[in-house]
Amino acid sequence: MTTNPFLSLDAAAIDVLDDMVNEWLDLERHGQLNGGFGYGPKKTDALSLIYTQVREAHKARVGYADVETDET
């Protein structure tokens, strides 16, 4: 098993990555990554892996906290 590189980041950074990854996944769901961004199966698989790791880190370090007001 691979170590999750995102677990060492602070909660705010993980929260930002979570937002970014979700935006890219939305583009992928609408078929926009394959056209305008040149994504193929390898990059799509890599995005899925990043999503899985970021979600794991988000659950572990952020949860339902508001990173703007909470100390995490």
PDB file of N, CA and C in Angstrom:
ATOM      1  N   MET A   1       0.839  -1.187   0.000  1.00  0.00           N
ATOM      2  CA  MET A   1       0.000   0.000   0.000  1.00  0.00           C
ATOM      3  C   MET A   1       0.881   1.245   0.000  1.00  0.00           C
ATOM      4  N   THR A   2       0.465   2.234  -0.738  1.00  0.00           N
ATOM      5  CA  THR A   2       1.200   3.477  -0.864  1.00  0.00           C
ATOM      6  C   THR A   2       0.828   4.431   0.266  1.00  0.00           C
ATOM      7  N   THR A   3       1.810   5.142   0.788  1.00  0.00           N
ATOM      8  CA  THR A   3       1.554   6.151   1.802  1.00  0.00           C
ATOM      9  C   THR A   3       0.836   7.333   1.163  1.00  0.00           C
ATOM     10  N   ASN A   4      -0.139   7.862   1.856  1.00  0.00           N
ATOM     11  CA  ASN A   4      -0.902   8.990   1.341  1.00  0.00           C
ATOM     12  C   ASN A   4      -0.104  10.277   1.547  1.00  0.00           C
ATOM     13  N   PRO A   5       0.356  10.912   0.457  1.00  0.00           N
ATOM     14  CA  PRO A   5       1.183  12.115   0.592  1.00  0.00           C
ATOM     15  C   PRO A   5       0.412  13.329   1.093  1.00  0.00           C
ATOM     16  N   PHE A   6      -0.908  13.277   1.055  1.00  0.00           N
ATOM     17  CA  PHE A   6      -1.712  14.424   1.440  1.00  0.00           C
ATOM     18  C   PHE A   6      -1.966  14.499   2.941  1.00  0.00           C
ATOM     19  N   LEU A   7      -1.752  13.403   3.660  1.00  0.00           N
ATOM     20  CA  LEU A   7      -2.010  13.387   5.095  1.00  0.00           C
ATOM     21  C   LEU A   7      -1.100  14.331   5.874  1.00  0.00           C
ATOM     22  N   SER A   8       0.049  14.674   5.336  1.00  0.00           N
ATOM     23  CA  SER A   8       0.973  15.553   6.051  1.00  0.00           C
ATOM     24  C   SER A   8       0.641  17.037   5.881  1.00  0.00           C
ATOM     25  N   LEU A   9      -0.287  17.354   5.009  1.00  0.00           N
ATOM     26  CA  LEU A   9      -0.658  18.751   4.796  1.00  0.00           C
ATOM     27  C   LEU A   9      -1.581  19.247   5.898  1.00  0.00           C
ATOM     28  N   ASP A  10      -1.635  20.569   6.061  1.00  0.00           N
ATOM     29  CA  ASP A  10      -2.565  21.096   7.060  1.00  0.00           C
ATOM     30  C   ASP A  10      -3.988  21.035   6.512  1.00  0.00           C
ATOM     31  N   ALA A  11      -4.949  21.206   7.405  1.00  0.00           N
ATOM     32  CA  ALA A  11      -6.363  21.032   7.055  1.00  0.00           C
ATOM     33  C   ALA A  11      -6.815  21.976   5.942  1.00  0.00           C
ATOM     34  N   ALA A  12      -6.349  23.208   5.967  1.00  0.00           N
ATOM     35  CA  ALA A  12      -6.765  24.171   4.943  1.00  0.00           C
ATOM     36  C   ALA A  12      -6.278  23.738   3.554  1.00  0.00           C
ATOM     37  N   ALA A  13      -5.045  23.267   3.469  1.00  0.00           N
ATOM     38  CA  ALA A  13      -4.509  22.815   2.183  1.00  0.00           C
ATOM     39  C   ALA A  13      -5.290  21.604   1.662  1.00  0.00           C
ATOM     40  N   ILE A  14      -5.630  20.702   2.555  1.00  0.00           N
ATOM     41  CA  ILE A  14      -6.411  19.526   2.161  1.00  0.00           C
ATOM     42  C   ILE A  14      -7.793  19.951   1.685  1.00  0.00           C
ATOM     43  N   ASP A  15      -8.393  20.903   2.363  1.00  0.00           N
ATOM     44  CA  ASP A  15      -9.713  21.382   1.979  1.00  0.00           C
ATOM     45  C   ASP A  15      -9.680  22.016   0.587  1.00  0.00           C
ATOM     46  N   VAL A  16      -8.656  22.797   0.307  1.00  0.00           N
ATOM     47  CA  VAL A  16      -8.493  23.409  -1.018  1.00  0.00           C
ATOM     48  C   VAL A  16      -8.314  22.330  -2.084  1.00  0.00           C
ATOM     49  N   LEU A  17      -7.459  21.354  -1.815  1.00  0.00           N
ATOM     50  CA  LEU A  17      -7.260  20.258  -2.774  1.00  0.00           C
ATOM     51  C   LEU A  17      -8.558  19.497  -3.021  1.00  0.00           C
ATOM     52  N   ASP A  18      -9.328  19.286  -1.982  1.00  0.00           N
ATOM     53  CA  ASP A  18     -10.603  18.598  -2.128  1.00  0.00           C
ATOM     54  C   ASP A  18     -11.522  19.369  -3.078  1.00  0.00           C
ATOM     55  N   ASP A  19     -11.587  20.683  -2.904  1.00  0.00           N
ATOM     56  CA  ASP A  19     -12.396  21.510  -3.811  1.00  0.00           C
ATOM     57  C   ASP A  19     -11.887  21.417  -5.244  1.00  0.00           C
ATOM     58  N   MET A  20     -10.577  21.498  -5.416  1.00  0.00           N
ATOM     59  CA  MET A  20      -9.981  21.465  -6.753  1.00  0.00           C
ATOM     60  C   MET A  20     -10.226  20.129  -7.447  1.00  0.00           C
ATOM     61  N   VAL A  21     -10.006  19.046  -6.729  1.00  0.00           N
ATOM     62  CA  VAL A  21     -10.198  17.720  -7.312  1.00  0.00           C
ATOM     63  C   VAL A  21     -11.660  17.527  -7.703  1.00  0.00           C
ATOM     64  N   ASN A  22     -12.577  17.989  -6.867  1.00  0.00           N
ATOM     65  CA  ASN A  22     -13.990  17.858  -7.196  1.00  0.00           C
ATOM     66  C   ASN A  22     -14.359  18.663  -8.441  1.00  0.00           C
ATOM     67  N   GLU A  23     -13.754  19.826  -8.627  1.00  0.00           N
ATOM     68  CA  GLU A  23     -13.988  20.613  -9.846  1.00  0.00           C
ATOM     69  C   GLU A  23     -13.511  19.852 -11.085  1.00  0.00           C
ATOM     70  N   TRP A  24     -12.323  19.259 -10.997  1.00  0.00           N
ATOM     71  CA  TRP A  24     -11.785  18.498 -12.127  1.00  0.00           C
ATOM     72  C   TRP A  24     -12.621  17.248 -12.402  1.00  0.00           C
ATOM     73  N   LEU A  25     -13.104  16.595 -11.350  1.00  0.00           N
ATOM     74  CA  LEU A  25     -13.961  15.427 -11.560  1.00  0.00           C
ATOM     75  C   LEU A  25     -15.269  15.830 -12.214  1.00  0.00           C
ATOM     76  N   ASP A  26     -15.777  16.999 -11.896  1.00  0.00           N
ATOM     77  CA  ASP A  26     -16.985  17.490 -12.545  1.00  0.00           C
ATOM     78  C   ASP A  26     -16.729  17.711 -14.040  1.00  0.00           C
ATOM     79  N   LEU A  27     -15.578  18.276 -14.362  1.00  0.00           N
ATOM     80  CA  LEU A  27     -15.209  18.431 -15.777  1.00  0.00           C
ATOM     81  C   LEU A  27     -15.120  17.075 -16.470  1.00  0.00           C
ATOM     82  N   GLU A  28     -14.552  16.101 -15.773  1.00  0.00           N
ATOM     83  CA  GLU A  28     -14.406  14.763 -16.346  1.00  0.00           C
ATOM     84  C   GLU A  28     -15.769  14.122 -16.579  1.00  0.00           C
ATOM     85  N   ARG A  29     -16.675  14.280 -15.631  1.00  0.00           N
ATOM     86  CA  ARG A  29     -18.026  13.709 -15.769  1.00  0.00           C
ATOM     87  C   ARG A  29     -18.761  14.287 -16.973  1.00  0.00           C
ATOM     88  N   HIS A  30     -18.464  15.532 -17.299  1.00  0.00           N
ATOM     89  CA  HIS A  30     -19.117  16.189 -18.434  1.00  0.00           C
ATOM     90  C   HIS A  30     -18.323  16.038 -19.735  1.00  0.00           C
ATOM     91  N   GLY A  31     -17.284  15.216 -19.698  1.00  0.00           N
ATOM     92  CA  GLY A  31     -16.509  14.940 -20.905  1.00  0.00           C
ATOM     93  C   GLY A  31     -15.595  16.057 -21.351  1.00  0.00           C
ATOM     94  N   GLN A  32     -15.359  17.045 -20.507  1.00  0.00           N
ATOM     95  CA  GLN A  32     -14.554  18.192 -20.896  1.00  0.00           C
ATOM     96  C   GLN A  32     -13.050  17.956 -20.765  1.00  0.00           C
ATOM     97  N   LEU A  33     -12.628  17.041 -19.909  1.00  0.00           N
ATOM     98  CA  LEU A  33     -11.194  16.797 -19.761  1.00  0.00           C
ATOM     99  C   LEU A  33     -10.619  16.111 -20.990  1.00  0.00           C
ATOM    100  N   ASN A  34     -11.360  15.202 -21.564  1.00  0.00           N
ATOM    101  CA  ASN A  34     -10.858  14.485 -22.732  1.00  0.00           C
ATOM    102  C   ASN A  34     -10.736  15.390 -23.947  1.00  0.00           C
ATOM    103  N   GLY A  35     -11.558  16.394 -24.047  1.00  0.00           N
ATOM    104  CA  GLY A  35     -11.518  17.285 -25.200  1.00  0.00           C
ATOM    105  C   GLY A  35     -10.538  18.423 -25.023  1.00  0.00           C
ATOM    106  N   GLY A  36     -10.870  19.341 -24.160  1.00  0.00           N
ATOM    107  CA  GLY A  36     -10.094  20.563 -24.014  1.00  0.00           C
ATOM    108  C   GLY A  36      -8.788  20.427 -23.265  1.00  0.00           C
ATOM    109  N   PHE A  37      -8.643  19.408 -22.416  1.00  0.00           N
ATOM    110  CA  PHE A  37      -7.457  19.287 -21.587  1.00  0.00           C
ATOM    111  C   PHE A  37      -6.558  18.124 -21.989  1.00  0.00           C
ATOM    112  N   GLY A  38      -6.966  17.352 -22.984  1.00  0.00           N
ATOM    113  CA  GLY A  38      -6.135  16.253 -23.477  1.00  0.00           C
ATOM    114  C   GLY A  38      -6.003  15.074 -22.530  1.00  0.00           C
ATOM    115  N   TYR A  39      -6.998  14.854 -21.710  1.00  0.00           N
ATOM    116  CA  TYR A  39      -6.946  13.732 -20.776  1.00  0.00           C
ATOM    117  C   TYR A  39      -7.350  12.452 -21.474  1.00  0.00           C
ATOM    118  N   GLY A  40      -6.595  11.414 -21.188  1.00  0.00           N
ATOM    119  CA  GLY A  40      -6.906  10.081 -21.646  1.00  0.00           C
ATOM    120  C   GLY A  40      -7.026   9.165 -20.444  1.00  0.00           C
ATOM    121  N   PRO A  41      -7.013   7.859 -20.677  1.00  0.00           N
ATOM    122  CA  PRO A  41      -7.204   6.916 -19.571  1.00  0.00           C
ATOM    123  C   PRO A  41      -6.161   7.016 -18.460  1.00  0.00           C
ATOM    124  N   LYS A  42      -4.909   7.276 -18.793  1.00  0.00           N
ATOM    125  CA  LYS A  42      -3.863   7.335 -17.757  1.00  0.00           C
ATOM    126  C   LYS A  42      -4.065   8.530 -16.836  1.00  0.00           C
ATOM    127  N   LYS A  43      -4.340   9.681 -17.406  1.00  0.00           N
ATOM    128  CA  LYS A  43      -4.555  10.870 -16.576  1.00  0.00           C
ATOM    129  C   LYS A  43      -5.858  10.760 -15.791  1.00  0.00           C
ATOM    130  N   THR A  44      -6.877  10.169 -16.393  1.00  0.00           N
ATOM    131  CA  THR A  44      -8.140   9.982 -15.684  1.00  0.00           C
ATOM    132  C   THR A  44      -7.962   9.031 -14.510  1.00  0.00           C
ATOM    133  N   ASP A  45      -7.193   7.955 -14.706  1.00  0.00           N
ATOM    134  CA  ASP A  45      -6.896   7.032 -13.608  1.00  0.00           C
ATOM    135  C   ASP A  45      -6.099   7.732 -12.507  1.00  0.00           C
ATOM    136  N   ALA A  46      -5.146   8.573 -12.897  1.00  0.00           N
ATOM    137  CA  ALA A  46      -4.350   9.314 -11.917  1.00  0.00           C
ATOM    138  C   ALA A  46      -5.239  10.279 -11.128  1.00  0.00           C
ATOM    139  N   LEU A  47      -6.172  10.932 -11.807  1.00  0.00           N
ATOM    140  CA  LEU A  47      -7.102  11.830 -11.130  1.00  0.00           C
ATOM    141  C   LEU A  47      -7.958  11.061 -10.127  1.00  0.00           C
ATOM    142  N   SER A  48      -8.379   9.868 -10.484  1.00  0.00           N
ATOM    143  CA  SER A  48      -9.159   9.035  -9.568  1.00  0.00           C
ATOM    144  C   SER A  48      -8.349   8.651  -8.336  1.00  0.00           C
ATOM    145  N   LEU A  49      -7.075   8.329  -8.527  1.00  0.00           N
ATOM    146  CA  LEU A  49      -6.199   7.997  -7.403  1.00  0.00           C
ATOM    147  C   LEU A  49      -6.017   9.211  -6.489  1.00  0.00           C
ATOM    148  N   ILE A  50      -5.773  10.366  -7.095  1.00  0.00           N
ATOM    149  CA  ILE A  50      -5.614  11.592  -6.308  1.00  0.00           C
ATOM    150  C   ILE A  50      -6.887  11.874  -5.524  1.00  0.00           C
ATOM    151  N   TYR A  51      -8.034  11.709  -6.176  1.00  0.00           N
ATOM    152  CA  TYR A  51      -9.316  11.915  -5.494  1.00  0.00           C
ATOM    153  C   TYR A  51      -9.431  11.016  -4.267  1.00  0.00           C
ATOM    154  N   THR A  52      -9.110   9.747  -4.427  1.00  0.00           N
ATOM    155  CA  THR A  52      -9.207   8.789  -3.326  1.00  0.00           C
ATOM    156  C   THR A  52      -8.309   9.210  -2.168  1.00  0.00           C
ATOM    157  N   GLN A  53      -7.083   9.609  -2.466  1.00  0.00           N
ATOM    158  CA  GLN A  53      -6.141   9.999  -1.417  1.00  0.00           C
ATOM    159  C   GLN A  53      -6.532  11.311  -0.754  1.00  0.00           C
ATOM    160  N   VAL A  54      -7.010  12.264  -1.539  1.00  0.00           N
ATOM    161  CA  VAL A  54      -7.435  13.542  -0.968  1.00  0.00           C
ATOM    162  C   VAL A  54      -8.662  13.335  -0.083  1.00  0.00           C
ATOM    163  N   ARG A  55      -9.605  12.501  -0.511  1.00  0.00           N
ATOM    164  CA  ARG A  55     -10.790  12.225   0.305  1.00  0.00           C
ATOM    165  C   ARG A  55     -10.395  11.564   1.625  1.00  0.00           C
ATOM    166  N   GLU A  56      -9.464  10.626   1.569  1.00  0.00           N
ATOM    167  CA  GLU A  56      -8.979   9.967   2.789  1.00  0.00           C
ATOM    168  C   GLU A  56      -8.366  10.994   3.741  1.00  0.00           C
ATOM    169  N   ALA A  57      -7.534  11.866   3.199  1.00  0.00           N
ATOM    170  CA  ALA A  57      -6.906  12.907   4.022  1.00  0.00           C
ATOM    171  C   ALA A  57      -7.954  13.875   4.554  1.00  0.00           C
ATOM    172  N   HIS A  58      -8.942  14.200   3.739  1.00  0.00           N
ATOM    173  CA  HIS A  58      -9.993  15.121   4.164  1.00  0.00           C
ATOM    174  C   HIS A  58     -10.777  14.529   5.331  1.00  0.00           C
ATOM    175  N   LYS A  59     -11.126  13.270   5.240  1.00  0.00           N
ATOM    176  CA  LYS A  59     -11.858  12.612   6.325  1.00  0.00           C
ATOM    177  C   LYS A  59     -11.024  12.567   7.602  1.00  0.00           C
ATOM    178  N   ALA A  60      -9.727  12.323   7.459  1.00  0.00           N
ATOM    179  CA  ALA A  60      -8.850  12.195   8.617  1.00  0.00           C
ATOM    180  C   ALA A  60      -8.497  13.538   9.256  1.00  0.00           C
ATOM    181  N   ARG A  61      -8.310  14.575   8.450  1.00  0.00           N
ATOM    182  CA  ARG A  61      -7.784  15.836   8.982  1.00  0.00           C
ATOM    183  C   ARG A  61      -8.787  16.975   9.034  1.00  0.00           C
ATOM    184  N   VAL A  62      -9.830  16.926   8.189  1.00  0.00           N
ATOM    185  CA  VAL A  62     -10.760  18.048   8.106  1.00  0.00           C
ATOM    186  C   VAL A  62     -12.142  17.656   8.608  1.00  0.00           C
ATOM    187  N   GLY A  63     -12.702  16.605   8.063  1.00  0.00           N
ATOM    188  CA  GLY A  63     -14.048  16.200   8.446  1.00  0.00           C
ATOM    189  C   GLY A  63     -15.051  17.285   8.117  1.00  0.00           C
ATOM    190  N   TYR A  64     -15.815  17.695   9.129  1.00  0.00           N
ATOM    191  CA  TYR A  64     -16.824  18.735   8.937  1.00  0.00           C
ATOM    192  C   TYR A  64     -16.362  20.081   9.467  1.00  0.00           C
ATOM    193  N   ALA A  65     -15.099  20.189   9.802  1.00  0.00           N
ATOM    194  CA  ALA A  65     -14.577  21.437  10.362  1.00  0.00           C
ATOM    195  C   ALA A  65     -14.575  22.548   9.319  1.00  0.00           C
ATOM    196  N   ASP A  66     -14.736  23.762   9.798  1.00  0.00           N
ATOM    197  CA  ASP A  66     -14.571  24.943   8.961  1.00  0.00           C
ATOM    198  C   ASP A  66     -13.129  25.390   9.151  1.00  0.00           C
ATOM    199  N   VAL A  67     -12.305  25.150   8.155  1.00  0.00           N
ATOM    200  CA  VAL A  67     -10.879  25.427   8.313  1.00  0.00           C
ATOM    201  C   VAL A  67     -10.577  26.913   8.465  1.00  0.00           C
ATOM    202  N   GLU A  68     -11.526  27.754   8.145  1.00  0.00           N
ATOM    203  CA  GLU A  68     -11.330  29.195   8.322  1.00  0.00           C
ATOM    204  C   GLU A  68     -11.489  29.614   9.785  1.00  0.00           C
ATOM    205  N   THR A  69     -12.256  28.844  10.559  1.00  0.00           N
ATOM    206  CA  THR A  69     -12.514  29.239  11.944  1.00  0.00           C
ATOM    207  C   THR A  69     -12.027  28.226  12.974  1.00  0.00           C
ATOM    208  N   ASP A  70     -11.939  26.964  12.589  1.00  0.00           N
ATOM    209  CA  ASP A  70     -11.556  25.914  13.527  1.00  0.00           C
ATOM    210  C   ASP A  70     -10.051  25.695  13.503  1.00  0.00           C
ATOM    211  N   GLU A  71      -9.515  25.335  14.646  1.00  0.00           N
ATOM    212  CA  GLU A  71      -8.124  24.920  14.745  1.00  0.00           C
ATOM    213  C   GLU A  71      -8.085  23.427  14.543  1.00  0.00           C
ATOM    214  N   THR A  72      -7.511  22.967  13.428  1.00  0.00           N
ATOM    215  CA  THR A  72      -7.418  21.517  13.166  1.00  0.00           C
ATOM    216  C   THR A  72      -5.990  21.120  12.960  1.00  0.00           C
TER     217      THR A  72
END
